[in-house]
Structures are given as structure tokens and as C-alpha cells.
Amino acid sequence: MTSLAPQPDVVLVHGAYADGSSWSEVIERLQHAGLAAVAVQNPLTSLADDVAHTRRILALHDGPVILAGHSFAGTVITEAGIDPRVAGLVYIAARAPDAGEDYAALAQKFPAPPAKAGLVYTGGFGGLTEDAFLNDFANGVDPGRARVLYAVQGRVSESLFHERTTAAAWRSKPSWYAISRRDRTTSPELERFLAKRMNATTVEIDSGHLSLITHPQEVTQLILAATQTVSQYAAAGGS
């Protein structure tokens, strides 16, 4: 009888306008399931900086690791995911550019999400207006919680969304994707395109952009499915 290989650890990466605490509800559930789960604190100053922070956390693990990213962090895990410790990738309403791809040009082929109009830059860094944050980025989140998230939102460098990856880990690693049907920050149609392009195991969640906060159980279940698949594959000798 073949026994399962040890469950992989989980490394969670936050996106723009957020920090690692946005994964708190998911982390609690993963820990309850017996998994080691940690969140990266990205500076959002450049893609290279965010990838470097993610790689430093990956280096703390012997492997294997499931690397999950929300929103802009999909770009980060697409680049950092080539690390040999990474056995699978989980995208939550996330970007998933190909190597060297002009993601902004790709996104323009799909309906423009309302939140985009609320991004304002000052002194080289940008954030969402209160109206855009509460109604578009955090739609579906309890209003009191949404105001707290707005108060601590991570500001992004002016160049961040225009930088390109040099690799696309999803081309060589198994991938999972959670689409947010009521997303007002990333077009759900774009999310569906990205999930299909990477041949990801895909679920759709009836949520806004912050499904990891409003629907943590569904997000956790997708990550658990990834860890179980990777564990079974390893137990079978990787064949």
C-alpha cells in the first residue's frame, strides 16, 4: 500500500493595496488542516523587490511548497515559482502573465474593471481612493472590515504594474485558479482567459476581488486540493 508523501508547506503572497494579513482567514484554516502556512510581506516597490521577498521565504523551506498569489501577486508567483521548491501554483483572482508579456496590453482586450479609475498616484506611489477601495476592491467585505483594510492599504510604485516577468512558472508547474465572478478590480473574463491558458484546475467563487477574505473556506479548499495532488504525485514517485 502506497503511503502519501508529507504534505507540502504553503507560502501565500499578497497583491496590491494589501498586506500579508489579508491571508489571515485562509492561514487559520490551513493550520487547522495541519499545514504549515506563511505569508510574504511584499514592499510593492518593484516586481524584483517582491520576487526577492518571496524567494527569501521560499528559502526557509526544504520543499515542496505550494505557492499561492492573490491579485498582482500572480505576477510575483509566476516569476518566483520557477524555484525548484515550488511544486504547484495557486492563483486567486490573480494576474498570470507569460514570460515577457505586456500584461497591460492583454488586459485592455477585456472589459475595464471599475477599480482602475480609482487608482491615484502621488510622489511615485499610488493607492485607491476610498470610494474605489470600498466599493470596487473590497466589494462584498463587511463595511467595517473594509474600512480597516482601506486604512492599511499597501501603496504601489508607479512602475509596478508595467514591469514584465522573465519566466512563466505556470508553463512547467501544475496550477490552480479561483475566479471571482463579481470582481470589480480584475475582469472576470480576463481571469477565465488566464485560467484556461495555463490549463489550471479552476473553480469559480461568487465573490468580489477579495475572495480570500469573504470566502476563505472556498479558497482554502482549492489550496488543499493543490497540496493533496502534489502529495499524491510525490508518493507515486513523480510519475
Protein backbone atom coordinates (compact mmCIF):
# COMPACT_ATOMS: atom_id res chain seq x y z
CA MET A 1 0.00 0.00 0.00
CA THR A 2 1.42 3.38 -1.06
CA SER A 3 1.50 5.99 1.68
CA LEU A 4 1.15 9.70 1.00
CA ALA A 5 4.27 11.83 0.92
CA PRO A 6 4.40 14.62 3.51
CA GLN A 7 2.05 17.50 2.74
CA PRO A 8 3.81 20.48 1.16
CA ASP A 9 4.10 23.76 3.01
CA VAL A 10 2.11 26.74 1.74
CA VAL A 11 3.55 30.18 1.01
CA LEU A 12 0.98 32.93 0.42
CA VAL A 13 1.71 36.16 -1.43
CA HIS A 14 -0.48 39.28 -1.23
CA GLY A 15 -1.20 41.69 -4.03
CA ALA A 16 -1.51 45.44 -4.46
CA TYR A 17 -3.36 47.60 -1.90
CA ALA A 18 -2.96 44.84 0.70
CA ASP A 19 -0.50 43.14 3.04
CA GLY A 20 0.12 39.63 4.33
CA SER A 21 -2.69 39.86 6.86
CA SER A 22 -5.22 39.60 4.03
CA TRP A 23 -4.47 35.85 4.12
CA SER A 24 -5.28 35.52 7.86
CA GLU A 25 -8.57 33.66 7.45
CA VAL A 26 -7.02 31.23 4.99
CA ILE A 27 -3.92 30.71 7.14
CA GLU A 28 -6.07 29.81 10.14
CA ARG A 29 -7.90 27.17 8.12
CA LEU A 30 -4.74 25.75 6.58
CA GLN A 31 -3.16 25.46 10.01
CA HIS A 32 -6.28 23.73 11.30
CA ALA A 33 -5.83 21.23 8.45
CA GLY A 34 -2.31 20.53 9.73
CA LEU A 35 -0.37 22.51 7.13
CA ALA A 36 2.48 24.95 7.66
CA ALA A 37 1.39 28.21 6.05
CA VAL A 38 3.17 31.57 5.99
CA ALA A 39 2.54 34.88 4.26
CA VAL A 40 5.07 37.08 2.50
CA GLN A 41 5.13 40.80 3.26
CA ASN A 42 5.77 42.44 -0.10
CA PRO A 43 7.04 46.04 -0.33
CA LEU A 44 5.20 46.66 -3.64
CA THR A 45 8.12 48.83 -4.73
CA SER A 46 9.06 46.78 -7.79
CA LEU A 47 8.49 43.33 -9.23
CA ALA A 48 12.11 42.46 -8.50
CA ASP A 49 11.72 43.50 -4.85
CA ASP A 50 8.52 41.50 -4.41
CA VAL A 51 10.06 38.43 -6.04
CA ALA A 52 13.15 38.76 -3.83
CA HIS A 53 10.99 38.87 -0.70
CA THR A 54 9.10 35.80 -1.86
CA ARG A 55 12.30 33.92 -2.63
CA ARG A 56 13.63 34.67 0.84
CA ILE A 57 10.58 32.99 2.35
CA LEU A 58 10.83 30.06 -0.05
CA ALA A 59 14.46 29.59 1.02
CA LEU A 60 13.27 28.88 4.57
CA HIS A 61 11.57 25.70 3.35
CA ASP A 62 13.17 22.45 2.34
CA GLY A 63 10.27 21.84 -0.03
CA PRO A 64 7.99 21.03 -1.59
CA VAL A 65 5.94 24.23 -1.43
CA ILE A 66 2.60 25.32 -2.82
CA LEU A 67 2.96 28.97 -3.80
CA ALA A 68 -0.29 30.96 -3.84
CA GLY A 69 -0.83 34.52 -5.01
CA HIS A 70 -3.74 36.94 -4.95
CA SER A 71 -4.28 39.69 -7.50
CA PHE A 72 -0.97 41.33 -8.54
CA ALA A 73 0.87 38.60 -6.62
CA GLY A 74 0.03 36.31 -9.51
CA THR A 75 2.79 38.14 -11.38
CA VAL A 76 5.12 37.58 -8.43
CA ILE A 77 4.48 33.83 -8.16
CA THR A 78 4.70 33.46 -11.93
CA GLU A 79 8.31 34.70 -11.70
CA ALA A 80 9.30 33.28 -8.29
CA GLY A 81 7.57 29.97 -8.95
CA ILE A 82 10.44 28.63 -11.05
CA ASP A 83 12.18 27.91 -7.72
CA PRO A 84 12.72 24.14 -7.53
CA ARG A 85 11.00 24.02 -4.13
CA VAL A 86 7.72 25.10 -5.72
CA ALA A 87 5.62 22.08 -6.65
CA GLY A 88 2.43 23.90 -7.59
CA LEU A 89 0.90 27.34 -8.07
CA VAL A 90 -2.47 28.66 -6.89
CA TYR A 91 -3.86 31.86 -8.39
CA ILE A 92 -6.67 33.73 -6.59
CA ALA A 93 -8.28 36.33 -8.90
CA ALA A 94 -4.71 36.86 -9.98
CA ARG A 95 -2.60 38.07 -12.85
CA ALA A 96 -0.73 35.35 -14.71
CA PRO A 97 1.44 36.88 -17.41
CA ASP A 98 3.52 34.90 -19.83
CA ALA A 99 7.27 35.49 -19.92
CA GLY A 100 7.96 38.98 -21.24
CA GLU A 101 4.28 39.65 -21.90
CA ASP A 102 2.84 43.15 -21.90
CA TYR A 103 0.12 42.38 -19.37
CA ALA A 104 -1.42 45.85 -19.59
CA ALA A 105 -1.95 45.37 -23.34
CA LEU A 106 -3.50 41.96 -22.70
CA ALA A 107 -5.86 43.36 -20.05
CA GLN A 108 -7.06 46.06 -22.46
CA LYS A 109 -8.66 43.32 -24.58
CA PHE A 110 -11.15 42.69 -21.76
CA PRO A 111 -13.73 44.91 -20.01
CA ALA A 112 -12.10 47.58 -17.86
CA PRO A 113 -12.80 46.91 -14.16
CA PRO A 114 -14.25 49.87 -12.19
CA ALA A 115 -11.44 49.96 -9.60
CA LYS A 116 -8.91 51.05 -12.22
CA ALA A 117 -10.45 54.54 -12.37
CA GLY A 118 -9.82 54.98 -8.65
CA LEU A 119 -6.03 54.50 -8.71
CA VAL A 120 -4.30 57.79 -7.87
CA TYR A 121 -0.52 58.32 -7.79
CA THR A 122 1.29 60.86 -5.63
CA GLY A 123 5.06 61.12 -5.31
CA GLY A 124 5.67 58.00 -7.37
CA PHE A 125 3.34 55.74 -5.39
CA GLY A 126 -0.35 55.05 -5.79
CA GLY A 127 -3.38 53.85 -3.93
CA LEU A 128 -7.10 53.53 -4.44
CA THR A 129 -9.46 56.30 -3.43
CA GLU A 130 -11.73 55.46 -0.52
CA ASP A 131 -14.73 55.07 -2.81
CA ALA A 132 -12.89 52.74 -5.22
CA PHE A 133 -11.40 50.72 -2.38
CA LEU A 134 -14.67 50.17 -0.51
CA ASN A 135 -16.98 49.70 -3.48
CA ASP A 136 -14.74 48.06 -6.09
CA PHE A 137 -11.71 46.46 -4.44
CA ALA A 138 -13.47 45.33 -1.26
CA ASN A 139 -16.99 44.78 -2.58
CA GLY A 140 -18.66 42.10 -0.53
CA VAL A 141 -16.45 42.65 2.51
CA ASP A 142 -18.13 43.70 5.76
CA PRO A 143 -18.11 47.54 5.66
CA GLY A 144 -16.31 47.88 8.98
CA ARG A 145 -13.62 45.41 7.93
CA ALA A 146 -13.33 47.11 4.54
CA ARG A 147 -12.59 50.47 6.18
CA VAL A 148 -9.83 48.89 8.25
CA LEU A 149 -8.34 47.35 5.10
CA TYR A 150 -8.51 50.77 3.42
CA ALA A 151 -6.66 52.34 6.35
CA VAL A 152 -3.74 49.92 5.96
CA GLN A 153 -3.71 49.56 2.17
CA GLY A 154 -0.30 48.97 0.60
CA ARG A 155 0.72 51.68 -1.83
CA VAL A 156 2.23 50.59 -5.14
CA SER A 157 5.11 52.08 -7.07
CA GLU A 158 4.21 53.87 -10.28
CA SER A 159 6.14 51.33 -12.36
CA LEU A 160 4.92 48.16 -10.65
CA PHE A 161 2.07 47.25 -12.99
CA HIS A 162 4.18 47.85 -16.10
CA GLU A 163 7.11 45.58 -15.25
CA ARG A 164 7.42 42.28 -17.09
CA THR A 165 8.31 38.80 -15.94
CA THR A 166 11.27 36.91 -17.37
CA ALA A 167 9.70 33.49 -16.74
CA ALA A 168 6.27 31.88 -16.54
CA ALA A 169 6.32 29.16 -13.90
CA TRP A 170 2.78 28.06 -14.80
CA ARG A 171 4.14 26.69 -18.07
CA SER A 172 6.06 23.99 -16.20
CA LYS A 173 4.25 23.67 -12.84
CA PRO A 174 0.71 22.39 -12.13
CA SER A 175 -1.62 25.30 -11.47
CA TRP A 176 -4.96 26.04 -9.84
CA TYR A 177 -7.11 29.16 -10.30
CA ALA A 178 -10.02 30.70 -8.38
CA ILE A 179 -12.09 33.09 -10.48
CA SER A 180 -14.13 35.79 -8.69
CA ARG A 181 -17.44 36.18 -10.52
CA ARG A 182 -18.25 39.63 -9.07
CA ASP A 183 -14.74 41.03 -9.35
CA ARG A 184 -14.58 44.80 -9.86
CA THR A 185 -10.76 45.03 -9.74
CA THR A 186 -9.80 42.40 -12.33
CA SER A 187 -12.14 41.47 -15.14
CA PRO A 188 -13.67 38.00 -14.53
CA GLU A 189 -13.45 37.44 -18.29
CA LEU A 190 -9.69 38.06 -18.11
CA GLU A 191 -9.42 35.69 -15.15
CA ARG A 192 -11.19 32.97 -17.15
CA PHE A 193 -8.84 33.54 -20.08
CA LEU A 194 -5.77 33.25 -17.85
CA ALA A 195 -7.02 30.10 -16.13
CA LYS A 196 -7.78 28.44 -19.45
CA ARG A 197 -4.46 29.47 -20.98
CA MET A 198 -2.49 27.83 -18.17
CA ASN A 199 -4.76 24.77 -18.20
CA ALA A 200 -5.40 25.33 -14.50
CA THR A 201 -7.72 23.34 -12.30
CA THR A 202 -10.35 26.05 -11.96
CA VAL A 203 -13.16 26.99 -9.61
CA GLU A 204 -15.48 29.99 -9.70
CA ILE A 205 -16.41 31.77 -6.48
CA ASP A 206 -19.41 34.08 -6.22
CA SER A 207 -17.36 36.87 -4.69
CA GLY A 208 -15.69 40.18 -5.33
CA HIS A 209 -11.94 40.57 -5.68
CA LEU A 210 -11.20 39.71 -2.04
CA SER A 211 -12.44 36.12 -2.02
CA LEU A 212 -9.63 35.21 0.36
CA ILE A 213 -11.42 37.38 2.95
CA THR A 214 -15.10 36.91 2.06
CA HIS A 215 -14.89 33.23 1.06
CA PRO A 216 -11.83 31.86 2.89
CA GLN A 217 -13.23 28.32 3.04
CA GLU A 218 -13.53 28.04 -0.74
CA VAL A 219 -10.05 29.48 -1.23
CA THR A 220 -8.65 27.14 1.40
CA GLN A 221 -10.28 24.14 -0.26
CA LEU A 222 -8.59 24.98 -3.56
CA ILE A 223 -5.19 25.25 -1.87
CA LEU A 224 -5.82 21.97 -0.04
CA ALA A 225 -6.68 20.32 -3.36
CA ALA A 226 -3.33 21.51 -4.69
CA THR A 227 -1.41 20.18 -1.68
CA GLN A 228 -3.16 16.81 -1.91
CA THR A 229 -2.46 16.47 -5.63
CA VAL A 230 1.21 17.30 -5.15
CA SER A 231 1.46 14.90 -2.20
CA GLN A 232 -0.13 12.06 -4.19
CA TYR A 233 2.14 12.74 -7.15
CA ALA A 234 5.22 12.62 -4.91
CA ALA A 235 4.03 9.41 -3.25
CA ALA A 236 3.69 7.81 -6.67
CA GLY A 237 7.31 8.60 -7.38
CA GLY A 238 6.59 11.60 -9.53
CA SER A 239 5.30 9.52 -12.39
